[in-house]
Structures are given as structure tokens and as C-alpha cells.
Amino acid sequence: MSEENHPEPEITFEEVCGFTLRVAVWKGGNERPLLFFNGIGANLELITPLGRAFRDRDVITFDMPGIGESPTPVMPYRPWQIARAASKLLEKLGHDVVDVMGVSWGGAMAQQFAFQCRKKVGKLVLAATSAGVIMVPGHPSALVKMASPRRYMDSEYMMQNFEKLYGEESDGVGDFAHALRPPSLRGYFYQMTAMMGWTSVPFLPFLPQKTLILMGDRDRIVPVANGHILKTLIPHSQLHIIKDGGHLFAVSRIDETMVAMEAFLAEEDRFTEEAGAAMA
């Protein structure tokens, strides 16, 4: 495809709430923008297939502090601080309401944002994620490898352990490894510890947004059972399981993911409006 069909994102560095964030915006059409929260240790280049796939809306994402090219903060942070920073970032970009998507760690962050900044969220998409510490754990061997940033720093290690870690076929690992940017060790540690003790279980029943939950049936890090937990707790939610999808299905199975997302995002917002009015 041509560069015109697959435009590169606009990259800026923004100062918000004491953080310097490297921000990417893929320009689309006039539909409501999509704010994307990435997985742990993952730089924004890794969602390029998703950013390019949306032709009708802007896709906004940023490197977490200490990840990719965002500078490492002096102090650790908590999810509410990132949610506040993301809210201020949207204000700087001129957006009042966005749809929100998060993958894995970013899915937890998306839940926090949807509750904390509910008036700014139209619809919510949660992919390969859980309700935090109250979750069905993944395969021990995958979790051990995920705890270390080595997979982002050693491409050979990534090649050797790709399927064991993510539950994905290793055919596309070369492109994935090429897009990796090693996080700082302190940045990775801060991101790992940010969610310690965090759970969304107490507030999920109060989320007003219509929510799509996407899970891969081969995910070794966040098993499908976690999607069923989210579906039970979130009032206006639906669960879609990606067949043969591993932890990275949002980009490795982009066609099926986009079919499910576009159908969902095209639905009316009536539950959000009714619930939002009731909570105002």
C-alpha cells in the first residue's frame, strides 16, 4: 500500500501533569477519536497496524513515562495520575469526548480512565486484559518472562520465546521485534509496580459506557476467563473471543479485530447517555 493509504503518525512531546509524554496521532476522518493505552513496556510504534487501520477517526496514543521515548519520571506513579495526565493531554489536543481502547496493562489503564474521566469517554474497548489483582493468572512460564524487560532488549530472546510468551505464531515476530524500543529499567519497573494492589472490581459495575471485551483463546498471559469476569461485572458489555488469538491479537489478527471493533463503535451510545444522565 502507498504512504498515502498508510500515513505516518504526527509525533509530538507534550508536558502534562509533571510528565513529558511522546504522543502519536494517526489522522483519520471525522468520527470520534480513539485514545489508546498500550501494554507494559510497549512503545507506541507497536500499534502502527492499528493506528493505520482506522480511516474514519484519529487514533491517539503515547509512550508511558520511561517507555519508548518518554523520559523516565523521578518518582513512581499510580494509575489515577496517568488517567489525569491523559485527560489533560486530550484537552491540549482539543478533544472533549473520545472512545477509549486498552490492551493488557493498558486495558487496566483504560478501565481506570473510563471511571475517573467518565464524561470524556464514549465507548470502551478492553483487549487481552483483566480486572487487576483479582484475575485468573496466566501460564507461569509466560508470566516469568513478562516480568523481565529482556524481551524488549534482546531480539534473539524475543524470537526464541515469542510463542511461549504470547501464544502467537512466530511468523510475524521479525516485524514486531523491529518495532521494539527498549524501555528504561526504571521506567519498566515503575510501570510494573504502578498496578500493584490495583483492581477495578469495586467500580466496574458503575461504568456507564458500552464496552466491548476482546480476548484471545490462546492467550498465555491473560486467559479468556478474565474476559468472562469483566463481562459479568460491566453492565453494558459484550464479549468477543478471537479464535486462535494470542496476547497480541489486536495487531497480529488485525482484520478480525477491526471487524469486531468497527461494528461495536458504529452502535448507538444510548446506554452511555442514559447511564451518564443518571450519574450526573
C-alpha atoms as a PDB file:
ATOM      1  CA  MET A   1       0.000   0.000   0.000  1.00  0.00           C
ATOM      2  CA  SER A   2       1.127   3.555  -0.602  1.00  0.00           C
ATOM      3  CA  GLU A   3       2.278   6.004   2.028  1.00  0.00           C
ATOM      4  CA  GLU A   4      -0.901   7.979   1.323  1.00  0.00           C
ATOM      5  CA  ASN A   5      -3.014   4.978   2.290  1.00  0.00           C
ATOM      6  CA  HIS A   6      -0.879   4.278   5.348  1.00  0.00           C
ATOM      7  CA  PRO A   7       0.116   7.711   6.719  1.00  0.00           C
ATOM      8  CA  GLU A   8       2.690   8.055   9.449  1.00  0.00           C
ATOM      9  CA  PRO A   9       1.540   9.476  12.791  1.00  0.00           C
ATOM     10  CA  GLU A  10       2.210  13.025  13.892  1.00  0.00           C
ATOM     11  CA  ILE A  11       4.714  12.818  16.781  1.00  0.00           C
ATOM     12  CA  THR A  12       4.999  15.490  19.483  1.00  0.00           C
ATOM     13  CA  PHE A  13       6.287  15.747  23.040  1.00  0.00           C
ATOM     14  CA  GLU A  14       3.737  17.137  25.476  1.00  0.00           C
ATOM     15  CA  GLU A  15       4.151  18.338  29.079  1.00  0.00           C
ATOM     16  CA  VAL A  16       1.186  17.275  31.203  1.00  0.00           C
ATOM     17  CA  CYS A  17       0.817  16.913  34.966  1.00  0.00           C
ATOM     18  CA  GLY A  18       4.562  16.721  35.546  1.00  0.00           C
ATOM     19  CA  PHE A  19       5.178  14.112  32.818  1.00  0.00           C
ATOM     20  CA  THR A  20       6.812  14.569  29.418  1.00  0.00           C
ATOM     21  CA  LEU A  21       4.972  12.236  27.048  1.00  0.00           C
ATOM     22  CA  ARG A  22       5.851  11.267  23.499  1.00  0.00           C
ATOM     23  CA  VAL A  23       2.499  11.415  21.727  1.00  0.00           C
ATOM     24  CA  ALA A  24       1.415   9.949  18.388  1.00  0.00           C
ATOM     25  CA  VAL A  25      -1.713  10.869  16.437  1.00  0.00           C
ATOM     26  CA  TRP A  26      -2.745   8.939  13.339  1.00  0.00           C
ATOM     27  CA  LYS A  27      -5.055  11.273  11.435  1.00  0.00           C
ATOM     28  CA  GLY A  28      -8.335   9.822  10.205  1.00  0.00           C
ATOM     29  CA  GLY A  29     -11.794  11.120   9.402  1.00  0.00           C
ATOM     30  CA  ASN A  30     -14.380  12.988  11.439  1.00  0.00           C
ATOM     31  CA  GLU A  31     -15.631  10.195  13.679  1.00  0.00           C
ATOM     32  CA  ARG A  32     -14.928  10.363  17.408  1.00  0.00           C
ATOM     33  CA  PRO A  33     -11.188   9.941  18.117  1.00  0.00           C
ATOM     34  CA  LEU A  34      -9.833   6.797  19.749  1.00  0.00           C
ATOM     35  CA  LEU A  35      -7.496   7.102  22.745  1.00  0.00           C
ATOM     36  CA  PHE A  36      -5.282   4.012  23.040  1.00  0.00           C
ATOM     37  CA  PHE A  37      -3.428   2.732  26.135  1.00  0.00           C
ATOM     38  CA  ASN A  38      -0.589   0.323  25.302  1.00  0.00           C
ATOM     39  CA  GLY A  39       0.697  -2.765  27.102  1.00  0.00           C
ATOM     40  CA  ILE A  40       3.525  -2.947  29.594  1.00  0.00           C
ATOM     41  CA  GLY A  41       6.902  -1.875  28.247  1.00  0.00           C
ATOM     42  CA  ALA A  42       5.413  -1.329  24.789  1.00  0.00           C
ATOM     43  CA  ASN A  43       6.388   1.721  22.740  1.00  0.00           C
ATOM     44  CA  LEU A  44       3.832   3.382  20.519  1.00  0.00           C
ATOM     45  CA  GLU A  45       5.339   2.018  17.261  1.00  0.00           C
ATOM     46  CA  LEU A  46       3.967  -1.419  18.159  1.00  0.00           C
ATOM     47  CA  ILE A  47       0.386  -0.321  17.466  1.00  0.00           C
ATOM     48  CA  THR A  48       1.172   1.031  13.992  1.00  0.00           C
ATOM     49  CA  PRO A  49      -1.073  -1.591  12.296  1.00  0.00           C
ATOM     50  CA  LEU A  50      -3.984  -0.486  14.486  1.00  0.00           C
ATOM     51  CA  GLY A  51      -3.287   3.211  14.015  1.00  0.00           C
ATOM     52  CA  ARG A  52      -3.233   2.764  10.241  1.00  0.00           C
ATOM     53  CA  ALA A  53      -6.362   0.587  10.195  1.00  0.00           C
ATOM     54  CA  PHE A  54      -8.739   3.341  11.305  1.00  0.00           C
ATOM     55  CA  ARG A  55      -9.550   5.534   8.290  1.00  0.00           C
ATOM     56  CA  ASP A  56     -12.548   7.350   9.806  1.00  0.00           C
ATOM     57  CA  ARG A  57     -11.106   8.694  13.079  1.00  0.00           C
ATOM     58  CA  ASP A  58      -7.929   9.921  14.734  1.00  0.00           C
ATOM     59  CA  VAL A  59      -6.028   7.419  16.870  1.00  0.00           C
ATOM     60  CA  ILE A  60      -4.154   8.937  19.818  1.00  0.00           C
ATOM     61  CA  THR A  61      -1.592   7.154  21.960  1.00  0.00           C
ATOM     62  CA  PHE A  62       1.553   7.929  23.935  1.00  0.00           C
ATOM     63  CA  ASP A  63       4.603   6.245  25.393  1.00  0.00           C
ATOM     64  CA  MET A  64       4.158   5.750  29.117  1.00  0.00           C
ATOM     65  CA  PRO A  65       6.727   7.545  31.326  1.00  0.00           C
ATOM     66  CA  GLY A  66      10.073   5.769  30.930  1.00  0.00           C
ATOM     67  CA  ILE A  67       8.813   3.696  27.988  1.00  0.00           C
ATOM     68  CA  GLY A  68       9.736   4.231  24.337  1.00  0.00           C
ATOM     69  CA  GLU A  69      10.993   7.796  24.085  1.00  0.00           C
ATOM     70  CA  SER A  70       9.068   9.320  27.003  1.00  0.00           C
ATOM     71  CA  PRO A  71      11.569  10.379  29.685  1.00  0.00           C
ATOM     72  CA  THR A  72      11.604   8.399  32.918  1.00  0.00           C
ATOM     73  CA  PRO A  73       9.978  10.298  35.794  1.00  0.00           C
ATOM     74  CA  VAL A  74      11.839  10.873  39.040  1.00  0.00           C
ATOM     75  CA  MET A  75       9.150   9.240  41.165  1.00  0.00           C
ATOM     76  CA  PRO A  76       6.881   6.200  40.693  1.00  0.00           C
ATOM     77  CA  TYR A  77       3.281   6.851  39.682  1.00  0.00           C
ATOM     78  CA  ARG A  78      -0.179   5.360  40.149  1.00  0.00           C
ATOM     79  CA  PRO A  79      -2.969   4.734  37.602  1.00  0.00           C
ATOM     80  CA  TRP A  80      -5.001   7.775  38.683  1.00  0.00           C
ATOM     81  CA  GLN A  81      -2.041  10.007  37.825  1.00  0.00           C
ATOM     82  CA  ILE A  82      -1.781   8.614  34.282  1.00  0.00           C
ATOM     83  CA  ALA A  83      -5.551   8.978  33.846  1.00  0.00           C
ATOM     84  CA  ARG A  84      -5.326  12.625  34.896  1.00  0.00           C
ATOM     85  CA  ALA A  85      -2.378  13.205  32.542  1.00  0.00           C
ATOM     86  CA  ALA A  86      -4.259  11.565  29.643  1.00  0.00           C
ATOM     87  CA  SER A  87      -7.273  13.777  30.364  1.00  0.00           C
ATOM     88  CA  LYS A  88      -5.117  16.910  30.257  1.00  0.00           C
ATOM     89  CA  LEU A  89      -3.481  15.664  27.054  1.00  0.00           C
ATOM     90  CA  LEU A  90      -6.893  15.358  25.384  1.00  0.00           C
ATOM     91  CA  GLU A  91      -7.667  18.922  26.424  1.00  0.00           C
ATOM     92  CA  LYS A  92      -4.410  20.102  24.832  1.00  0.00           C
ATOM     93  CA  LEU A  93      -5.312  18.260  21.643  1.00  0.00           C
ATOM     94  CA  GLY A  94      -8.770  19.831  21.625  1.00  0.00           C
ATOM     95  CA  HIS A  95     -10.895  16.732  22.287  1.00  0.00           C
ATOM     96  CA  ASP A  96     -13.836  16.723  24.701  1.00  0.00           C
ATOM     97  CA  VAL A  97     -15.004  13.110  24.227  1.00  0.00           C
ATOM     98  CA  VAL A  98     -13.150  10.087  22.840  1.00  0.00           C
ATOM     99  CA  ASP A  99     -13.627   6.361  22.568  1.00  0.00           C
ATOM    100  CA  VAL A 100     -11.022   4.502  24.610  1.00  0.00           C
ATOM    101  CA  MET A 101      -9.160   1.252  23.977  1.00  0.00           C
ATOM    102  CA  GLY A 102      -6.551  -0.514  26.103  1.00  0.00           C
ATOM    103  CA  VAL A 103      -4.565  -3.713  25.658  1.00  0.00           C
ATOM    104  CA  SER A 104      -3.235  -5.826  28.539  1.00  0.00           C
ATOM    105  CA  TRP A 105      -1.751  -3.398  31.123  1.00  0.00           C
ATOM    106  CA  GLY A 106      -3.261  -0.649  29.026  1.00  0.00           C
ATOM    107  CA  GLY A 107      -6.656  -2.318  29.355  1.00  0.00           C
ATOM    108  CA  ALA A 108      -6.459  -1.829  33.109  1.00  0.00           C
ATOM    109  CA  MET A 109      -5.453   1.776  32.494  1.00  0.00           C
ATOM    110  CA  ALA A 110      -8.421   2.188  30.144  1.00  0.00           C
ATOM    111  CA  GLN A 111     -10.745   0.954  32.902  1.00  0.00           C
ATOM    112  CA  GLN A 112      -9.267   3.495  35.322  1.00  0.00           C
ATOM    113  CA  PHE A 113      -9.658   6.290  32.765  1.00  0.00           C
ATOM    114  CA  ALA A 114     -13.241   5.294  31.924  1.00  0.00           C
ATOM    115  CA  PHE A 115     -14.231   5.511  35.582  1.00  0.00           C
ATOM    116  CA  GLN A 116     -12.153   8.514  36.607  1.00  0.00           C
ATOM    117  CA  CYS A 117     -12.874  10.585  33.480  1.00  0.00           C
ATOM    118  CA  ARG A 118     -16.229   9.104  32.543  1.00  0.00           C
ATOM    119  CA  LYS A 119     -17.584  12.286  30.964  1.00  0.00           C
ATOM    120  CA  LYS A 120     -14.801  12.159  28.370  1.00  0.00           C
ATOM    121  CA  VAL A 121     -15.429   8.541  27.304  1.00  0.00           C
ATOM    122  CA  GLY A 122     -17.938   7.491  24.663  1.00  0.00           C
ATOM    123  CA  LYS A 123     -17.326   3.766  24.239  1.00  0.00           C
ATOM    124  CA  LEU A 124     -14.755   1.467  25.845  1.00  0.00           C
ATOM    125  CA  VAL A 125     -12.791  -1.398  24.251  1.00  0.00           C
ATOM    126  CA  LEU A 126     -10.827  -3.746  26.530  1.00  0.00           C
ATOM    127  CA  ALA A 127      -8.463  -6.206  24.858  1.00  0.00           C
ATOM    128  CA  ALA A 128      -6.479  -9.067  26.432  1.00  0.00           C
ATOM    129  CA  THR A 129      -6.897  -7.582  29.894  1.00  0.00           C
ATOM    130  CA  SER A 130      -8.254  -8.219  33.383  1.00  0.00           C
ATOM    131  CA  ALA A 131      -9.661  -6.547  36.481  1.00  0.00           C
ATOM    132  CA  GLY A 132      -6.218  -6.246  38.086  1.00  0.00           C
ATOM    133  CA  VAL A 133      -5.086  -8.252  41.084  1.00  0.00           C
ATOM    134  CA  ILE A 134      -8.401 -10.107  41.118  1.00  0.00           C
ATOM    135  CA  MET A 135      -7.763 -12.126  37.990  1.00  0.00           C
ATOM    136  CA  VAL A 136      -7.207 -15.636  36.682  1.00  0.00           C
ATOM    137  CA  PRO A 137      -3.409 -15.759  36.237  1.00  0.00           C
ATOM    138  CA  GLY A 138      -1.704 -16.773  33.032  1.00  0.00           C
ATOM    139  CA  HIS A 139       0.762 -19.586  32.418  1.00  0.00           C
ATOM    140  CA  PRO A 140       3.634 -19.352  34.949  1.00  0.00           C
ATOM    141  CA  SER A 141       6.355 -19.607  32.294  1.00  0.00           C
ATOM    142  CA  ALA A 142       4.819 -16.703  30.357  1.00  0.00           C
ATOM    143  CA  LEU A 143       4.423 -14.564  33.471  1.00  0.00           C
ATOM    144  CA  VAL A 144       8.047 -15.100  34.489  1.00  0.00           C
ATOM    145  CA  LYS A 145       9.248 -13.926  31.073  1.00  0.00           C
ATOM    146  CA  MET A 146       6.877 -10.959  31.118  1.00  0.00           C
ATOM    147  CA  ALA A 147       8.290  -9.745  34.440  1.00  0.00           C
ATOM    148  CA  SER A 148      11.611  -9.001  32.749  1.00  0.00           C
ATOM    149  CA  PRO A 149      12.170  -6.301  30.080  1.00  0.00           C
ATOM    150  CA  ARG A 150      14.662  -8.605  28.329  1.00  0.00           C
ATOM    151  CA  ARG A 151      12.229  -9.360  25.518  1.00  0.00           C
ATOM    152  CA  TYR A 152      12.359  -5.684  24.545  1.00  0.00           C
ATOM    153  CA  MET A 153      16.160  -5.530  24.666  1.00  0.00           C
ATOM    154  CA  ASP A 154      17.240  -8.836  23.106  1.00  0.00           C
ATOM    155  CA  SER A 155      15.684  -9.607  19.701  1.00  0.00           C
ATOM    156  CA  GLU A 156      17.102 -13.141  19.681  1.00  0.00           C
ATOM    157  CA  TYR A 157      15.491 -13.837  23.045  1.00  0.00           C
ATOM    158  CA  MET A 158      12.214 -12.496  21.672  1.00  0.00           C
ATOM    159  CA  MET A 159      12.464 -14.751  18.601  1.00  0.00           C
ATOM    160  CA  GLN A 160      13.117 -17.826  20.743  1.00  0.00           C
ATOM    161  CA  ASN A 161      10.324 -17.201  23.249  1.00  0.00           C
ATOM    162  CA  PHE A 162       7.667 -15.436  21.186  1.00  0.00           C
ATOM    163  CA  GLU A 163       5.149 -18.280  21.006  1.00  0.00           C
ATOM    164  CA  LYS A 164       5.712 -19.385  24.613  1.00  0.00           C
ATOM    165  CA  LEU A 165       5.225 -15.861  25.858  1.00  0.00           C
ATOM    166  CA  TYR A 166       2.367 -14.555  23.736  1.00  0.00           C
ATOM    167  CA  GLY A 167       0.637 -17.703  22.470  1.00  0.00           C
ATOM    168  CA  GLU A 168       1.132 -16.398  18.926  1.00  0.00           C
ATOM    169  CA  GLU A 169       2.663 -17.999  15.852  1.00  0.00           C
ATOM    170  CA  SER A 170       6.163 -16.639  15.357  1.00  0.00           C
ATOM    171  CA  ASP A 171       5.710 -15.822  11.639  1.00  0.00           C
ATOM    172  CA  GLY A 172       5.423 -12.086  12.240  1.00  0.00           C
ATOM    173  CA  VAL A 173       7.931 -11.827  15.066  1.00  0.00           C
ATOM    174  CA  GLY A 174      10.504 -10.134  12.822  1.00  0.00           C
ATOM    175  CA  ASP A 175       8.280  -7.097  12.182  1.00  0.00           C
ATOM    176  CA  PHE A 176       7.302  -7.000  15.845  1.00  0.00           C
ATOM    177  CA  ALA A 177      10.915  -7.168  17.050  1.00  0.00           C
ATOM    178  CA  HIS A 178      11.933  -4.475  14.553  1.00  0.00           C
ATOM    179  CA  ALA A 179       9.402  -2.047  16.056  1.00  0.00           C
ATOM    180  CA  LEU A 180      10.602  -2.549  19.641  1.00  0.00           C
ATOM    181  CA  ARG A 181      12.234   0.284  21.576  1.00  0.00           C
ATOM    182  CA  PRO A 182      13.846  -0.849  24.853  1.00  0.00           C
ATOM    183  CA  PRO A 183      12.312   0.843  27.919  1.00  0.00           C
ATOM    184  CA  SER A 184      14.498   2.242  30.657  1.00  0.00           C
ATOM    185  CA  LEU A 185      14.886  -0.230  33.503  1.00  0.00           C
ATOM    186  CA  ARG A 186      13.438   2.260  35.975  1.00  0.00           C
ATOM    187  CA  GLY A 187      10.583   3.095  33.600  1.00  0.00           C
ATOM    188  CA  TYR A 188       9.721  -0.579  33.205  1.00  0.00           C
ATOM    189  CA  PHE A 189       9.880  -1.085  36.982  1.00  0.00           C
ATOM    190  CA  TYR A 190       7.621   1.921  37.588  1.00  0.00           C
ATOM    191  CA  GLN A 191       5.092   0.605  35.083  1.00  0.00           C
ATOM    192  CA  MET A 192       5.175  -2.868  36.632  1.00  0.00           C
ATOM    193  CA  THR A 193       4.637  -1.517  40.146  1.00  0.00           C
ATOM    194  CA  ALA A 194       2.032   1.107  39.189  1.00  0.00           C
ATOM    195  CA  MET A 195      -0.738  -1.517  39.249  1.00  0.00           C
ATOM    196  CA  MET A 196       0.381  -3.249  42.454  1.00  0.00           C
ATOM    197  CA  GLY A 197      -2.699  -3.768  44.616  1.00  0.00           C
ATOM    198  CA  TRP A 198      -4.931  -2.171  41.963  1.00  0.00           C
ATOM    199  CA  THR A 199      -8.265  -3.685  40.981  1.00  0.00           C
ATOM    200  CA  SER A 200     -11.242  -2.351  39.061  1.00  0.00           C
ATOM    201  CA  VAL A 201     -13.727  -4.760  40.656  1.00  0.00           C
ATOM    202  CA  PRO A 202     -15.296  -2.172  43.019  1.00  0.00           C
ATOM    203  CA  PHE A 203     -16.103   0.312  40.236  1.00  0.00           C
ATOM    204  CA  LEU A 204     -16.769  -1.864  37.174  1.00  0.00           C
ATOM    205  CA  PRO A 205     -20.500  -2.232  37.992  1.00  0.00           C
ATOM    206  CA  PHE A 206     -20.763   1.574  37.821  1.00  0.00           C
ATOM    207  CA  LEU A 207     -19.169   2.070  34.392  1.00  0.00           C
ATOM    208  CA  PRO A 208     -21.753   3.834  32.216  1.00  0.00           C
ATOM    209  CA  GLN A 209     -20.047   3.175  28.884  1.00  0.00           C
ATOM    210  CA  LYS A 210     -20.973   0.494  26.400  1.00  0.00           C
ATOM    211  CA  THR A 211     -17.978  -1.836  26.482  1.00  0.00           C
ATOM    212  CA  LEU A 212     -16.518  -4.365  24.064  1.00  0.00           C
ATOM    213  CA  ILE A 213     -14.289  -7.014  25.650  1.00  0.00           C
ATOM    214  CA  LEU A 214     -11.902  -8.758  23.250  1.00  0.00           C
ATOM    215  CA  MET A 215      -9.987 -11.870  24.320  1.00  0.00           C
ATOM    216  CA  GLY A 216      -7.767 -14.387  22.521  1.00  0.00           C
ATOM    217  CA  ASP A 217      -8.425 -18.061  23.202  1.00  0.00           C
ATOM    218  CA  ARG A 218      -4.666 -18.839  23.046  1.00  0.00           C
ATOM    219  CA  ASP A 219      -3.554 -16.005  25.318  1.00  0.00           C
ATOM    220  CA  ARG A 220      -0.959 -17.363  27.775  1.00  0.00           C
ATOM    221  CA  ILE A 221      -0.700 -14.134  29.771  1.00  0.00           C
ATOM    222  CA  VAL A 222      -4.352 -13.164  30.293  1.00  0.00           C
ATOM    223  CA  PRO A 223      -6.608 -16.237  29.906  1.00  0.00           C
ATOM    224  CA  VAL A 224     -10.113 -15.939  28.437  1.00  0.00           C
ATOM    225  CA  ALA A 225     -11.667 -16.471  31.873  1.00  0.00           C
ATOM    226  CA  ASN A 226     -10.738 -12.888  32.695  1.00  0.00           C
ATOM    227  CA  GLY A 227     -12.922 -11.672  29.857  1.00  0.00           C
ATOM    228  CA  HIS A 228     -15.879 -13.518  31.364  1.00  0.00           C
ATOM    229  CA  ILE A 229     -15.191 -11.837  34.724  1.00  0.00           C
ATOM    230  CA  LEU A 230     -15.202  -8.417  33.060  1.00  0.00           C
ATOM    231  CA  LYS A 231     -18.384  -9.284  31.153  1.00  0.00           C
ATOM    232  CA  THR A 232     -20.120 -10.233  34.409  1.00  0.00           C
ATOM    233  CA  LEU A 233     -19.101  -7.036  36.199  1.00  0.00           C
ATOM    234  CA  ILE A 234     -19.555  -4.382  33.481  1.00  0.00           C
ATOM    235  CA  PRO A 235     -23.283  -3.668  32.942  1.00  0.00           C
ATOM    236  CA  HIS A 236     -23.403  -2.715  29.238  1.00  0.00           C
ATOM    237  CA  SER A 237     -20.727  -5.047  27.909  1.00  0.00           C
ATOM    238  CA  GLN A 238     -20.277  -7.709  25.265  1.00  0.00           C
ATOM    239  CA  LEU A 239     -17.549 -10.323  24.913  1.00  0.00           C
ATOM    240  CA  HIS A 240     -15.911 -11.304  21.631  1.00  0.00           C
ATOM    241  CA  ILE A 241     -13.338 -14.098  21.571  1.00  0.00           C
ATOM    242  CA  ILE A 242     -10.707 -14.105  18.820  1.00  0.00           C
ATOM    243  CA  LYS A 243     -10.268 -17.716  17.698  1.00  0.00           C
ATOM    244  CA  ASP A 244      -6.612 -18.837  17.774  1.00  0.00           C
ATOM    245  CA  GLY A 245      -5.703 -15.370  19.060  1.00  0.00           C
ATOM    246  CA  GLY A 246      -2.769 -14.960  21.406  1.00  0.00           C
ATOM    247  CA  HIS A 247      -1.941 -11.978  23.590  1.00  0.00           C
ATOM    248  CA  LEU A 248      -1.095  -9.748  20.618  1.00  0.00           C
ATOM    249  CA  PHE A 249      -4.208 -10.439  18.539  1.00  0.00           C
ATOM    250  CA  ALA A 250      -5.033  -6.717  18.349  1.00  0.00           C
ATOM    251  CA  VAL A 251      -2.198  -6.367  15.819  1.00  0.00           C
ATOM    252  CA  SER A 252      -1.455  -9.953  14.730  1.00  0.00           C
ATOM    253  CA  ARG A 253      -5.121 -10.560  13.806  1.00  0.00           C
ATOM    254  CA  ILE A 254      -5.913  -7.007  12.874  1.00  0.00           C
ATOM    255  CA  ASP A 255      -8.614  -7.875  10.300  1.00  0.00           C
ATOM    256  CA  GLU A 256     -10.831  -9.803  12.743  1.00  0.00           C
ATOM    257  CA  THR A 257     -10.141  -7.301  15.493  1.00  0.00           C
ATOM    258  CA  MET A 258     -11.184  -4.404  13.264  1.00  0.00           C
ATOM    259  CA  VAL A 259     -14.397  -6.114  12.140  1.00  0.00           C
ATOM    260  CA  ALA A 260     -15.472  -6.548  15.768  1.00  0.00           C
ATOM    261  CA  MET A 261     -14.392  -3.038  16.771  1.00  0.00           C
ATOM    262  CA  GLU A 262     -15.916  -1.183  13.842  1.00  0.00           C
ATOM    263  CA  ALA A 263     -19.278  -2.916  14.312  1.00  0.00           C
ATOM    264  CA  PHE A 264     -19.208  -2.038  18.002  1.00  0.00           C
ATOM    265  CA  LEU A 265     -18.107   1.577  17.540  1.00  0.00           C
ATOM    266  CA  ALA A 266     -20.877   2.084  14.976  1.00  0.00           C
ATOM    267  CA  GLU A 267     -23.552   1.255  17.563  1.00  0.00           C
ATOM    268  CA  GLU A 268     -25.560   3.989  19.260  1.00  0.00           C
ATOM    269  CA  ASP A 269     -24.341   5.448  22.544  1.00  0.00           C
ATOM    270  CA  ARG A 270     -27.744   5.278  24.224  1.00  0.00           C
ATOM    271  CA  PHE A 271     -26.574   3.274  27.256  1.00  0.00           C
ATOM    272  CA  THR A 272     -23.799   5.780  27.876  1.00  0.00           C
ATOM    273  CA  GLU A 273     -26.179   8.702  27.615  1.00  0.00           C
ATOM    274  CA  GLU A 274     -28.823   7.180  29.897  1.00  0.00           C
ATOM    275  CA  ALA A 275     -26.302   5.991  32.485  1.00  0.00           C
ATOM    276  CA  GLY A 276     -24.356   9.243  32.343  1.00  0.00           C
ATOM    277  CA  ALA A 277     -27.534  11.245  32.988  1.00  0.00           C
ATOM    278  CA  ALA A 278     -28.396   9.019  35.935  1.00  0.00           C
ATOM    279  CA  MET A 279     -24.939   9.506  37.455  1.00  0.00           C
ATOM    280  CA  ALA A 280     -24.753  13.278  36.870  1.00  0.00           C
END
